[in-house]
Amino acid sequence: GNRHFPGHGPTRFWEMPVTIPGKIDVAGVGIAGTPFPTLGFNRDIAWAHTVTAARHFTLYQLALDPADPTTYLVDGKAEKMTARTVSVPMPDGAKPFERTLYSTRFGAVVVLPQAMANWTRTTAFTMRDANRGNQRGVGTWLRIARARDVGEVRDAVTQSLGIPWVNTIAADRHGDALHADVTAVPNVSAEKIKACATPLSALAARAAILLDGSKSECDWDVVRGTAVPGLMPASDQAIYQRRDYVANMNDSYWLSNPRSPHKPLSPILGANGQQVSLRTRSGFIETDALIAGGKVDHKRAQDMAFANKSLAADLALKPLLALCADKAEVAEACAALGKWDGRFENDSRGAWLFDRFWMKARNVPGIWGVPFDATDPVNTPRDFTTTGDAGAKLIAALKAAAEEVTKAGVALDARWGDVQYAQRGSERIPVHGGDGQLGVLNVQISDAAPGGVSPRHGSSYVQVVGFGADGPVADTVLSYSQSPNPASPWYADQTRLYAKKQWVRFPFTPAQIEAAKVGEAVTIKE
């Protein structure tokens, strides 16, 4: 498991074990303030999450009463919006700030000028959110944390529909693997989306499902037995349970295992049969290679997680070098890339130059000789093409990339660990890994920093978990370390471990915890 989450701010992960004898015994991470791990492992299962492609709200276009913009028409009958005034106290005796908000049977009225969703005398738009009032998540994660096999994980997710916006991937000591793309999703079918479209639905489609709020039949369908009326039942969402493997790299539900694509489901759950990311392709390629190499143990799984290969480099580097070999305007850049190992390791030289090139080149038209084929999604598109107009644009992209790197004061063949780093006090700790758009499994998304870039999002808590007779055998690392406090001894310790690809054998049994303790227990009571 490798969850990508911010290293700064209130959504940092906090690593913890939680034990209540006879009730719960689990370890992993949660966002600071959560009472127990929402990603981790217990004696029998390990689980992780990735962001789902499903959409968890719908927009509605309302037809208004021309005489009253706070009255809307449903099936030709007038309904009054519900008004609620929110008052916010202001300092120094100033008058409170007040705002009146309006709601309808189709959710709250929203105004989004950038999306042409304006409130006029004839039209308004609302957003209905499937997670409004969702208090079921904590109970779902508690059931997962106490599960004894993936069947119990599946029951927890499907019965509650409480997971708000993430896939659930789990494996157990019995050898079963589960991917449940099951969340709180509006129950709207493909047929309803088509039948309830408005003239603006196609324009909004990239961002949201827009339905016709002038028809009651366009409300979410209600199925008996769901936790909340109007939610899509788990039976209509995507669930894989297998004995070989499942994986999700933040792509659509349709491909958890390339040997068994999922049948098409409602478009609100994501696209089916469409091109997947380079990182998803890389994940399947590397997983198949791992399994083909024999028994998967901790070391081999760790090596795959932090191999820092780039599928973009595998596909494009050699053709690019052939293209730029005789181009004087990019001679220095071409030479630097010729010495690059094609990976995003700390010692890789020239990695940032390729990163900057690929971000400019990946959308150049005509660069793939073999287009995407839904029957071969892992290996297409392929055959990087450098002829004609595409070749000229690729050279221009390489030239622009070299200029960008040089302008930042970085050598074209600089070590990646000198370019991408985490600042801890006066210490610059090298950070391996790269952007997922490069087809790198070990994702690090970085912002500009003095002399290079510094991660803001990416590999955070990483775990490799197996199961022994006495319980879980877990190797973990929290890449940005446990504490954001510079005075803490745990401010940079795991960041240094991550830089060296070292792991912590997580203490789980009482004896292991006793041997690993760094202080005396603190007892609290009411």
Protein backbone atom coordinates (compact mmCIF):
# COMPACT_ATOMS: atom_id res chain seq x y z
CA GLY A 1 0.00 0.00 0.00
CA ASN A 2 1.23 3.46 -0.92
CA ARG A 3 -1.24 6.26 -0.26
CA HIS A 4 -0.46 9.62 -1.83
CA PHE A 5 -1.30 12.35 0.62
CA PRO A 6 0.04 15.84 1.40
CA GLY A 7 3.08 16.21 3.58
CA HIS A 8 1.98 19.59 4.88
CA GLY A 9 -1.14 20.95 6.54
CA PRO A 10 -4.01 19.35 8.47
CA THR A 11 -4.30 16.26 6.25
CA ARG A 12 -0.89 14.85 7.14
CA PHE A 13 -0.96 11.22 8.18
CA TRP A 14 -0.26 10.25 11.79
CA GLU A 15 1.15 6.78 12.39
CA MET A 16 -0.30 4.81 15.29
CA PRO A 17 -1.15 1.43 16.79
CA VAL A 18 -4.45 1.18 18.66
CA THR A 19 -5.24 -1.66 21.06
CA ILE A 20 -8.27 -2.19 23.28
CA PRO A 21 -7.95 -5.75 24.60
CA GLY A 22 -10.66 -7.95 23.18
CA LYS A 23 -12.02 -5.11 21.02
CA ILE A 24 -9.47 -3.87 18.50
CA ASP A 25 -5.80 -4.42 17.68
CA VAL A 26 -4.72 -2.48 14.60
CA ALA A 27 -1.88 -0.31 13.30
CA GLY A 28 -1.38 2.13 10.45
CA VAL A 29 -2.17 5.78 9.81
CA GLY A 30 -5.03 8.21 10.03
CA ILE A 31 -5.35 11.95 9.58
CA ALA A 32 -4.34 13.68 12.81
CA GLY A 33 -7.29 13.53 15.19
CA THR A 34 -8.76 10.26 13.96
CA PRO A 35 -9.16 7.76 16.82
CA PHE A 36 -7.72 4.76 14.97
CA PRO A 37 -6.04 3.96 11.62
CA THR A 38 -8.05 4.37 8.44
CA LEU A 39 -5.30 2.66 6.43
CA GLY A 40 -3.15 -0.13 7.79
CA PHE A 41 -3.26 -3.70 9.04
CA ASN A 42 -4.26 -6.03 11.85
CA ARG A 43 -3.47 -9.68 12.57
CA ASP A 44 -5.34 -10.97 9.54
CA ILE A 45 -5.77 -8.23 6.91
CA ALA A 46 -3.99 -5.26 5.39
CA TRP A 47 -5.78 -2.53 3.48
CA ALA A 48 -5.19 0.70 1.62
CA HIS A 49 -7.16 3.31 -0.29
CA THR A 50 -6.85 5.26 -3.53
CA VAL A 51 -8.98 8.14 -4.80
CA THR A 52 -11.87 6.83 -6.87
CA ALA A 53 -12.89 8.16 -10.27
CA ALA A 54 -16.55 8.13 -9.20
CA ARG A 55 -18.42 11.41 -8.79
CA HIS A 56 -20.18 11.94 -5.50
CA PHE A 57 -22.60 14.69 -6.39
CA THR A 58 -24.80 15.77 -9.26
CA LEU A 59 -25.74 19.22 -10.50
CA TYR A 60 -29.31 20.11 -11.37
CA GLN A 61 -30.56 22.83 -13.69
CA LEU A 62 -33.76 24.39 -12.37
CA ALA A 63 -36.49 26.21 -14.23
CA LEU A 64 -37.61 29.22 -12.16
CA ASP A 65 -40.92 30.99 -11.82
CA PRO A 66 -40.35 34.19 -13.85
CA ALA A 67 -42.19 36.15 -11.15
CA ASP A 68 -40.03 34.83 -8.29
CA PRO A 69 -36.41 33.64 -8.69
CA THR A 70 -36.66 31.74 -5.36
CA THR A 71 -39.47 29.54 -6.69
CA TYR A 72 -38.72 26.67 -9.04
CA LEU A 73 -40.93 24.44 -11.15
CA VAL A 74 -41.01 20.64 -10.96
CA ASP A 75 -43.36 18.86 -13.36
CA GLY A 76 -44.93 22.29 -13.94
CA LYS A 77 -45.73 22.84 -10.25
CA ALA A 78 -44.16 25.60 -8.17
CA GLU A 79 -41.95 24.78 -5.17
CA LYS A 80 -40.48 27.42 -2.88
CA MET A 81 -36.78 27.32 -2.08
CA THR A 82 -35.83 26.99 1.56
CA ALA A 83 -33.95 30.03 2.84
CA ARG A 84 -31.46 29.98 5.71
CA THR A 85 -29.59 33.04 6.93
CA VAL A 86 -26.14 32.41 8.37
CA SER A 87 -24.74 35.09 10.68
CA VAL A 88 -21.02 35.31 11.42
CA PRO A 89 -19.95 37.50 14.37
CA MET A 90 -17.30 40.09 13.53
CA PRO A 91 -14.62 41.51 15.84
CA ASP A 92 -14.45 44.91 17.51
CA GLY A 93 -18.19 45.39 17.68
CA ALA A 94 -18.63 45.38 13.92
CA LYS A 95 -21.96 44.36 12.45
CA PRO A 96 -22.23 40.55 11.95
CA PHE A 97 -21.68 39.32 8.41
CA GLU A 98 -24.81 37.66 7.07
CA ARG A 99 -25.47 35.52 4.04
CA THR A 100 -28.75 33.89 3.02
CA LEU A 101 -28.38 30.42 1.50
CA TYR A 102 -31.06 28.65 -0.52
CA SER A 103 -31.84 24.95 -0.86
CA THR A 104 -34.19 22.80 -2.92
CA ARG A 105 -35.25 19.18 -3.15
CA PHE A 106 -32.25 18.82 -5.49
CA GLY A 107 -29.73 20.27 -3.05
CA ALA A 108 -28.23 23.69 -2.36
CA VAL A 109 -28.31 26.49 -4.93
CA VAL A 110 -24.81 27.18 -6.27
CA VAL A 111 -23.40 29.92 -8.45
CA LEU A 112 -20.38 29.00 -10.58
CA PRO A 113 -19.77 31.76 -13.14
CA GLN A 114 -16.67 30.04 -14.51
CA ALA A 115 -18.90 27.08 -15.44
CA MET A 116 -21.72 29.30 -16.75
CA ALA A 117 -23.88 28.18 -13.80
CA ASN A 118 -25.43 31.56 -13.00
CA TRP A 119 -28.58 32.32 -11.06
CA THR A 120 -30.82 34.32 -13.39
CA ARG A 121 -34.53 35.14 -13.34
CA THR A 122 -35.28 31.98 -15.31
CA THR A 123 -32.59 29.48 -14.34
CA ALA A 124 -30.69 28.33 -11.28
CA PHE A 125 -28.33 25.45 -10.52
CA THR A 126 -28.05 23.22 -7.48
CA MET A 127 -25.61 20.63 -6.18
CA ARG A 128 -26.82 17.50 -4.44
CA ASP A 129 -24.02 15.76 -2.55
CA ALA A 130 -24.16 12.05 -1.68
CA ASN A 131 -21.87 12.68 1.30
CA ARG A 132 -24.03 15.39 2.85
CA GLY A 133 -24.61 14.23 6.40
CA ASN A 134 -22.47 11.12 5.92
CA GLN A 135 -21.49 10.04 9.42
CA ARG A 136 -21.07 6.39 8.46
CA GLY A 137 -17.38 6.53 7.54
CA VAL A 138 -15.93 6.12 11.03
CA GLY A 139 -18.13 3.08 11.68
CA THR A 140 -17.07 1.58 8.36
CA TRP A 141 -13.38 2.03 9.11
CA LEU A 142 -13.87 0.55 12.57
CA ARG A 143 -15.38 -2.57 10.98
CA ILE A 144 -12.46 -2.75 8.53
CA ALA A 145 -9.93 -2.35 11.34
CA ARG A 146 -11.53 -5.31 13.15
CA ALA A 147 -12.03 -7.51 10.04
CA ARG A 148 -10.62 -11.04 9.93
CA ASP A 149 -10.69 -11.51 6.17
CA VAL A 150 -11.50 -9.57 3.00
CA GLY A 151 -15.06 -10.86 3.11
CA GLU A 152 -15.63 -8.85 6.28
CA VAL A 153 -13.98 -5.83 4.66
CA ARG A 154 -16.34 -6.22 1.73
CA ASP A 155 -19.35 -6.43 4.04
CA ALA A 156 -18.29 -3.31 5.91
CA VAL A 157 -17.92 -1.25 2.75
CA THR A 158 -20.98 -2.50 0.88
CA GLN A 159 -23.47 -2.50 3.73
CA SER A 160 -22.71 0.98 5.05
CA LEU A 161 -21.96 2.83 1.80
CA GLY A 162 -20.02 5.00 4.22
CA ILE A 163 -16.67 5.32 2.44
CA PRO A 164 -16.87 8.86 1.07
CA TRP A 165 -14.44 9.04 -1.88
CA VAL A 166 -11.84 6.28 -2.02
CA ASN A 167 -11.36 2.78 -3.41
CA THR A 168 -10.70 0.08 -0.82
CA ILE A 169 -7.97 -2.47 -1.62
CA ALA A 170 -7.39 -5.28 0.87
CA ALA A 171 -5.61 -8.62 1.22
CA ASP A 172 -5.77 -11.22 3.96
CA ARG A 173 -3.64 -14.01 5.42
CA HIS A 174 -5.73 -16.55 3.50
CA GLY A 175 -4.53 -15.24 0.13
CA ASP A 176 -7.65 -13.41 -1.00
CA ALA A 177 -7.49 -9.91 -2.49
CA LEU A 178 -10.29 -7.35 -2.78
CA HIS A 179 -10.81 -4.15 -4.69
CA ALA A 180 -14.10 -2.43 -3.85
CA ASP A 181 -14.77 0.80 -5.72
CA VAL A 182 -17.84 1.24 -3.51
CA THR A 183 -18.59 4.68 -2.07
CA ALA A 184 -21.48 7.04 -1.36
CA VAL A 185 -22.54 7.68 -4.98
CA PRO A 186 -25.78 9.13 -6.41
CA ASN A 187 -27.95 6.39 -7.87
CA VAL A 188 -28.23 7.60 -11.45
CA SER A 189 -27.95 5.13 -14.30
CA ALA A 190 -26.50 5.71 -17.74
CA GLU A 191 -30.05 5.78 -19.07
CA LYS A 192 -31.12 8.43 -16.57
CA ILE A 193 -28.08 10.58 -17.31
CA LYS A 194 -29.00 10.52 -20.99
CA ALA A 195 -32.75 11.01 -20.53
CA CYS A 196 -32.30 13.85 -18.01
CA ALA A 197 -29.65 15.79 -19.90
CA THR A 198 -30.13 19.51 -20.55
CA PRO A 199 -28.58 21.53 -23.38
CA LEU A 200 -25.75 22.43 -20.96
CA SER A 201 -25.05 18.87 -19.78
CA ALA A 202 -22.46 18.17 -22.47
CA LEU A 203 -20.54 21.33 -21.54
CA ALA A 204 -20.53 20.36 -17.87
CA ALA A 205 -19.71 16.69 -18.45
CA ARG A 206 -15.96 17.00 -17.80
CA ALA A 207 -16.63 18.33 -14.31
CA ALA A 208 -19.99 16.94 -13.24
CA ILE A 209 -23.20 15.16 -14.17
CA LEU A 210 -25.84 17.84 -14.90
CA LEU A 211 -29.48 16.72 -14.74
CA ASP A 212 -32.81 18.39 -15.46
CA GLY A 213 -34.35 19.66 -12.23
CA SER A 214 -37.66 20.51 -13.86
CA LYS A 215 -38.61 16.81 -13.86
CA SER A 216 -39.21 14.78 -10.71
CA GLU A 217 -38.18 11.64 -12.59
CA CYS A 218 -34.63 13.03 -12.73
CA ASP A 219 -34.20 12.70 -8.97
CA TRP A 220 -31.87 9.94 -7.75
CA ASP A 221 -33.42 6.49 -7.88
CA VAL A 222 -34.29 4.94 -4.53
CA VAL A 223 -33.50 1.26 -3.95
CA ARG A 224 -34.65 -0.48 -0.82
CA GLY A 225 -31.91 -1.62 1.52
CA THR A 226 -29.39 1.17 0.95
CA ALA A 227 -28.08 3.06 3.97
CA VAL A 228 -29.56 6.33 2.65
CA PRO A 229 -32.34 6.66 0.05
CA GLY A 230 -30.95 7.70 -3.33
CA LEU A 231 -27.50 6.13 -2.95
CA MET A 232 -26.34 3.63 -5.55
CA PRO A 233 -26.41 0.10 -4.12
CA ALA A 234 -23.10 -1.71 -3.87
CA SER A 235 -24.39 -4.34 -6.29
CA ASP A 236 -24.30 -1.70 -9.05
CA GLN A 237 -20.75 -0.60 -8.22
CA ALA A 238 -17.43 -2.30 -8.96
CA ILE A 239 -16.14 -5.13 -6.77
CA TYR A 240 -13.28 -7.52 -7.58
CA GLN A 241 -12.26 -10.41 -5.35
CA ARG A 242 -9.45 -12.60 -6.64
CA ARG A 243 -6.64 -14.96 -5.66
CA ASP A 244 -3.90 -13.50 -7.87
CA TYR A 245 -3.94 -9.72 -7.42
CA VAL A 246 -5.92 -6.51 -7.69
CA ALA A 247 -4.53 -3.01 -8.00
CA ASN A 248 -5.68 0.55 -8.43
CA MET A 249 -3.44 3.48 -9.33
CA ASN A 250 -6.13 6.22 -9.22
CA ASP A 251 -7.73 5.21 -12.51
CA SER A 252 -11.28 4.09 -13.30
CA TYR A 253 -12.83 0.99 -11.80
CA TRP A 254 -12.76 -0.80 -15.15
CA LEU A 255 -9.24 -2.20 -14.85
CA SER A 256 -8.18 -3.67 -11.50
CA ASN A 257 -6.59 -6.66 -13.16
CA PRO A 258 -5.86 -6.56 -16.91
CA ARG A 259 -6.95 -10.19 -17.28
CA SER A 260 -10.47 -9.33 -16.15
CA PRO A 261 -11.78 -5.91 -17.24
CA HIS A 262 -15.00 -4.89 -15.52
CA LYS A 263 -18.23 -4.61 -17.48
CA PRO A 264 -19.48 -1.05 -18.14
CA LEU A 265 -21.31 0.60 -15.26
CA SER A 266 -23.00 3.98 -14.84
CA PRO A 267 -20.78 6.82 -16.11
CA ILE A 268 -21.02 8.43 -12.67
CA LEU A 269 -18.59 5.71 -11.51
CA GLY A 270 -15.98 6.68 -14.10
CA ALA A 271 -15.07 5.83 -17.66
CA ASN A 272 -15.02 2.29 -18.99
CA GLY A 273 -12.78 1.07 -21.79
CA GLN A 274 -10.83 4.31 -21.99
CA GLN A 275 -7.09 4.93 -21.92
CA VAL A 276 -5.47 4.54 -18.52
CA SER A 277 -2.53 6.50 -17.16
CA LEU A 278 1.11 5.61 -17.70
CA ARG A 279 1.34 4.98 -13.97
CA THR A 280 -1.53 2.48 -14.09
CA ARG A 281 0.12 0.71 -17.00
CA SER A 282 3.43 0.67 -15.15
CA GLY A 283 1.73 -0.77 -12.07
CA PHE A 284 0.34 -3.72 -13.99
CA ILE A 285 3.60 -4.30 -15.89
CA GLU A 286 5.67 -4.28 -12.71
CA THR A 287 3.21 -6.41 -10.74
CA ASP A 288 3.07 -9.07 -13.44
CA ALA A 289 6.87 -9.10 -13.61
CA LEU A 290 7.06 -9.38 -9.81
CA ILE A 291 4.74 -12.39 -9.74
CA ALA A 292 6.45 -14.02 -12.72
CA GLY A 293 9.74 -13.82 -10.82
CA GLY A 294 8.57 -16.24 -8.14
CA LYS A 295 7.44 -15.97 -4.54
CA VAL A 296 6.76 -12.38 -3.52
CA ASP A 297 8.48 -11.63 -0.23
CA HIS A 298 8.97 -8.35 1.61
CA LYS A 299 12.26 -7.49 -0.09
CA ARG A 300 10.98 -8.00 -3.62
CA ALA A 301 7.82 -6.01 -2.91
CA GLN A 302 9.88 -3.18 -1.42
CA ASP A 303 12.18 -3.16 -4.43
CA MET A 304 9.20 -2.81 -6.77
CA ALA A 305 7.61 -0.04 -4.70
CA PHE A 306 10.78 2.05 -4.80
CA ALA A 307 12.23 1.00 -8.16
CA ASN A 308 11.51 4.52 -9.48
CA LYS A 309 11.20 3.32 -13.06
CA SER A 310 9.59 5.60 -15.61
CA LEU A 311 7.39 4.02 -18.25
CA ALA A 312 7.55 7.30 -20.18
CA ALA A 313 11.32 6.87 -20.35
CA ASP A 314 11.00 3.22 -21.34
CA LEU A 315 8.75 4.22 -24.25
CA ALA A 316 10.29 7.49 -25.39
CA LEU A 317 13.92 7.91 -24.33
CA LYS A 318 15.68 5.91 -27.06
CA PRO A 319 13.63 7.41 -29.94
CA LEU A 320 14.18 10.87 -28.47
CA LEU A 321 17.94 10.36 -28.29
CA ALA A 322 17.96 9.23 -31.91
CA LEU A 323 15.97 12.31 -32.89
CA CYS A 324 18.13 14.84 -31.04
CA ALA A 325 21.51 13.31 -31.88
CA ASP A 326 22.24 15.67 -34.78
CA LYS A 327 20.36 18.75 -33.56
CA ALA A 328 22.82 21.46 -32.57
CA GLU A 329 20.22 23.54 -30.74
CA VAL A 330 19.71 20.76 -28.18
CA ALA A 331 23.13 19.12 -28.25
CA GLU A 332 23.89 19.71 -24.57
CA ALA A 333 20.44 18.51 -23.47
CA CYS A 334 20.69 15.46 -25.70
CA ALA A 335 24.07 14.58 -24.21
CA ALA A 336 22.70 14.91 -20.68
CA LEU A 337 19.77 12.61 -21.43
CA GLY A 338 22.13 10.15 -23.06
CA LYS A 339 23.74 9.61 -19.65
CA TRP A 340 20.45 9.31 -17.75
CA ASP A 341 19.53 5.85 -16.42
CA GLY A 342 15.83 6.34 -17.14
CA ARG A 343 14.86 6.32 -13.46
CA PHE A 344 14.07 8.80 -10.71
CA GLU A 345 16.61 7.59 -8.19
CA ASN A 346 18.54 10.01 -5.99
CA ASP A 347 21.68 9.30 -8.04
CA SER A 348 19.95 9.54 -11.45
CA ARG A 349 21.50 12.34 -13.52
CA GLY A 350 19.36 14.25 -15.98
CA ALA A 351 16.02 13.12 -14.51
CA TRP A 352 14.68 16.64 -14.07
CA LEU A 353 15.46 17.52 -17.65
CA PHE A 354 13.36 14.58 -18.84
CA ASP A 355 10.61 15.49 -16.37
CA ARG A 356 10.41 19.01 -17.79
CA PHE A 357 10.56 17.68 -21.36
CA TRP A 358 7.81 15.09 -20.84
CA MET A 359 5.39 17.55 -19.28
CA LYS A 360 5.64 19.61 -22.47
CA ALA A 361 5.79 16.71 -24.92
CA ARG A 362 3.23 14.20 -23.65
CA ASN A 363 0.30 15.90 -25.39
CA VAL A 364 2.01 16.56 -28.71
CA PRO A 365 -0.30 15.17 -31.42
CA GLY A 366 0.89 12.15 -33.36
CA ILE A 367 3.61 10.87 -31.02
CA TRP A 368 2.19 7.33 -30.80
CA GLY A 369 2.43 5.01 -33.77
CA VAL A 370 0.03 2.51 -32.22
CA PRO A 371 -3.06 4.18 -30.72
CA PHE A 372 -4.91 3.11 -27.60
CA ASP A 373 -6.67 -0.23 -27.90
CA ALA A 374 -9.22 -1.14 -25.21
CA THR A 375 -8.41 -4.82 -25.75
CA ASP A 376 -4.74 -4.14 -24.88
CA PRO A 377 -4.86 -1.26 -22.39
CA VAL A 378 -1.56 -2.06 -20.68
CA ASN A 379 0.53 -1.94 -23.85
CA THR A 380 -1.14 0.88 -25.78
CA PRO A 381 -0.58 3.54 -26.94
CA ARG A 382 3.02 2.76 -27.86
CA ASP A 383 5.75 3.14 -30.53
CA PHE A 384 6.92 6.67 -29.79
CA THR A 385 7.03 8.52 -33.12
CA THR A 386 9.46 11.34 -33.86
CA THR A 387 8.91 11.98 -37.56
CA GLY A 388 7.37 14.97 -39.31
CA ASP A 389 5.69 17.77 -37.40
CA ALA A 390 5.73 15.73 -34.17
CA GLY A 391 9.51 15.54 -34.31
CA ALA A 392 9.85 19.30 -34.68
CA LYS A 393 7.58 19.87 -31.70
CA LEU A 394 9.51 17.35 -29.61
CA ILE A 395 12.79 19.14 -30.31
CA ALA A 396 11.12 22.43 -29.37
CA ALA A 397 9.90 20.82 -26.13
CA LEU A 398 13.39 19.55 -25.31
CA LYS A 399 14.88 22.98 -25.98
CA ALA A 400 12.28 24.64 -23.76
CA ALA A 401 12.88 22.08 -21.03
CA ALA A 402 16.63 22.70 -21.08
CA GLU A 403 16.07 26.44 -20.87
CA GLU A 404 13.72 25.97 -17.91
CA VAL A 405 16.21 23.80 -16.01
CA THR A 406 19.11 26.15 -16.74
CA LYS A 407 17.08 29.22 -15.74
CA ALA A 408 16.44 27.56 -12.37
CA GLY A 409 20.19 27.38 -11.86
CA VAL A 410 20.33 23.60 -12.15
CA ALA A 411 22.74 21.64 -14.32
CA LEU A 412 21.13 19.59 -17.08
CA ASP A 413 22.79 16.46 -15.69
CA ALA A 414 22.18 17.25 -12.02
CA ARG A 415 21.57 14.38 -9.59
CA TRP A 416 17.85 13.95 -8.98
CA GLY A 417 18.42 13.82 -5.21
CA ASP A 418 20.08 17.24 -5.41
CA VAL A 419 17.13 18.65 -7.34
CA GLN A 420 14.21 17.09 -5.41
CA TYR A 421 14.65 17.36 -1.68
CA ALA A 422 12.83 17.79 1.63
CA GLN A 423 14.03 20.68 3.74
CA ARG A 424 14.35 19.79 7.41
CA GLY A 425 15.92 22.71 9.24
CA SER A 426 19.25 23.32 7.56
CA GLU A 427 19.31 19.78 6.18
CA ARG A 428 18.31 18.99 2.59
CA ILE A 429 17.21 15.35 2.43
CA PRO A 430 17.12 13.85 -1.08
CA VAL A 431 13.73 12.48 -2.16
CA HIS A 432 13.52 9.77 -4.81
CA GLY A 433 10.40 9.16 -6.90
CA GLY A 434 8.71 11.22 -9.60
CA ASP A 435 5.47 12.49 -11.03
CA GLY A 436 2.91 9.80 -11.86
CA GLN A 437 2.44 11.32 -15.32
CA LEU A 438 5.92 9.99 -16.06
CA GLY A 439 4.72 6.46 -15.35
CA VAL A 440 6.48 6.35 -11.97
CA LEU A 441 4.85 4.16 -9.33
CA ASN A 442 6.57 5.95 -6.44
CA VAL A 443 4.85 9.29 -6.92
CA GLN A 444 6.27 12.59 -5.71
CA ILE A 445 4.62 15.79 -6.94
CA SER A 446 6.80 18.78 -6.19
CA ASP A 447 6.75 22.56 -6.17
CA ALA A 448 9.59 24.94 -6.96
CA ALA A 449 12.15 25.36 -4.19
CA PRO A 450 15.57 27.02 -4.02
CA GLY A 451 17.83 25.17 -6.44
CA GLY A 452 15.20 22.61 -7.39
CA VAL A 453 11.85 21.27 -6.18
CA SER A 454 10.34 20.00 -2.94
CA PRO A 455 7.51 17.45 -2.58
CA ARG A 456 4.07 18.67 -1.55
CA HIS A 457 2.10 15.50 -2.34
CA GLY A 458 2.87 11.89 -3.10
CA SER A 459 4.13 8.74 -1.41
CA SER A 460 3.40 9.24 2.27
CA TYR A 461 2.70 6.15 4.36
CA VAL A 462 4.00 3.07 2.56
CA GLN A 463 3.46 -0.47 3.87
CA VAL A 464 4.47 -3.97 2.85
CA VAL A 465 2.55 -6.47 4.97
CA GLY A 466 2.69 -10.24 5.22
CA PHE A 467 1.27 -12.61 7.81
CA GLY A 468 3.10 -14.97 10.14
CA ALA A 469 1.88 -17.40 12.74
CA ASP A 470 2.13 -14.75 15.48
CA GLY A 471 0.48 -11.94 13.52
CA PRO A 472 1.37 -9.42 10.82
CA VAL A 473 4.89 -8.84 9.58
CA ALA A 474 4.82 -5.23 8.46
CA ASP A 475 7.53 -3.00 7.04
CA THR A 476 6.48 0.63 6.91
CA VAL A 477 7.81 4.12 6.30
CA LEU A 478 6.16 7.52 6.65
CA SER A 479 8.10 9.50 4.09
CA TYR A 480 7.66 12.94 5.64
CA SER A 481 8.12 11.65 9.23
CA GLN A 482 5.73 11.68 12.15
CA SER A 483 6.08 15.20 13.49
CA PRO A 484 5.85 18.62 11.79
CA ASN A 485 7.60 20.15 14.81
CA PRO A 486 11.25 21.02 14.03
CA ALA A 487 12.13 20.50 17.69
CA SER A 488 10.89 16.91 17.68
CA PRO A 489 13.32 13.98 17.34
CA TRP A 490 10.75 12.51 14.93
CA TYR A 491 10.76 15.52 12.60
CA ALA A 492 13.07 13.99 9.98
CA ASP A 493 14.00 10.46 11.05
CA GLN A 494 11.73 8.56 8.63
CA THR A 495 12.43 11.05 5.85
CA ARG A 496 16.08 10.04 6.13
CA LEU A 497 15.04 6.37 6.10
CA TYR A 498 12.91 6.95 2.99
CA ALA A 499 15.84 8.68 1.28
CA LYS A 500 17.92 5.52 1.82
CA LYS A 501 15.04 3.13 0.97
CA GLN A 502 15.06 1.82 4.50
CA TRP A 503 12.01 0.56 6.37
CA VAL A 504 10.72 0.16 9.91
CA ARG A 505 9.67 -3.33 11.00
CA PHE A 506 6.51 -2.16 12.76
CA PRO A 507 6.22 -3.53 16.32
CA PHE A 508 2.83 -5.19 16.77
CA THR A 509 2.91 -7.85 19.49
CA PRO A 510 3.27 -6.79 23.15
CA ALA A 511 6.82 -8.11 23.21
CA GLN A 512 7.76 -6.19 20.06
CA ILE A 513 6.20 -3.01 21.42
CA GLU A 514 8.04 -3.39 24.73
CA ALA A 515 11.34 -3.85 22.90
CA ALA A 516 10.75 -0.80 20.70
CA LYS A 517 9.44 1.67 23.26
CA VAL A 518 11.19 5.02 23.58
CA GLY A 519 9.60 6.16 26.83
CA GLU A 520 7.43 5.08 29.71
CA ALA A 521 3.70 4.60 29.28
CA VAL A 522 1.46 7.48 30.26
CA THR A 523 -1.78 6.52 32.00
CA ILE A 524 -4.76 8.85 31.71
CA LYS A 525 -8.16 8.60 33.36
CA GLU A 526 -11.28 10.63 33.89
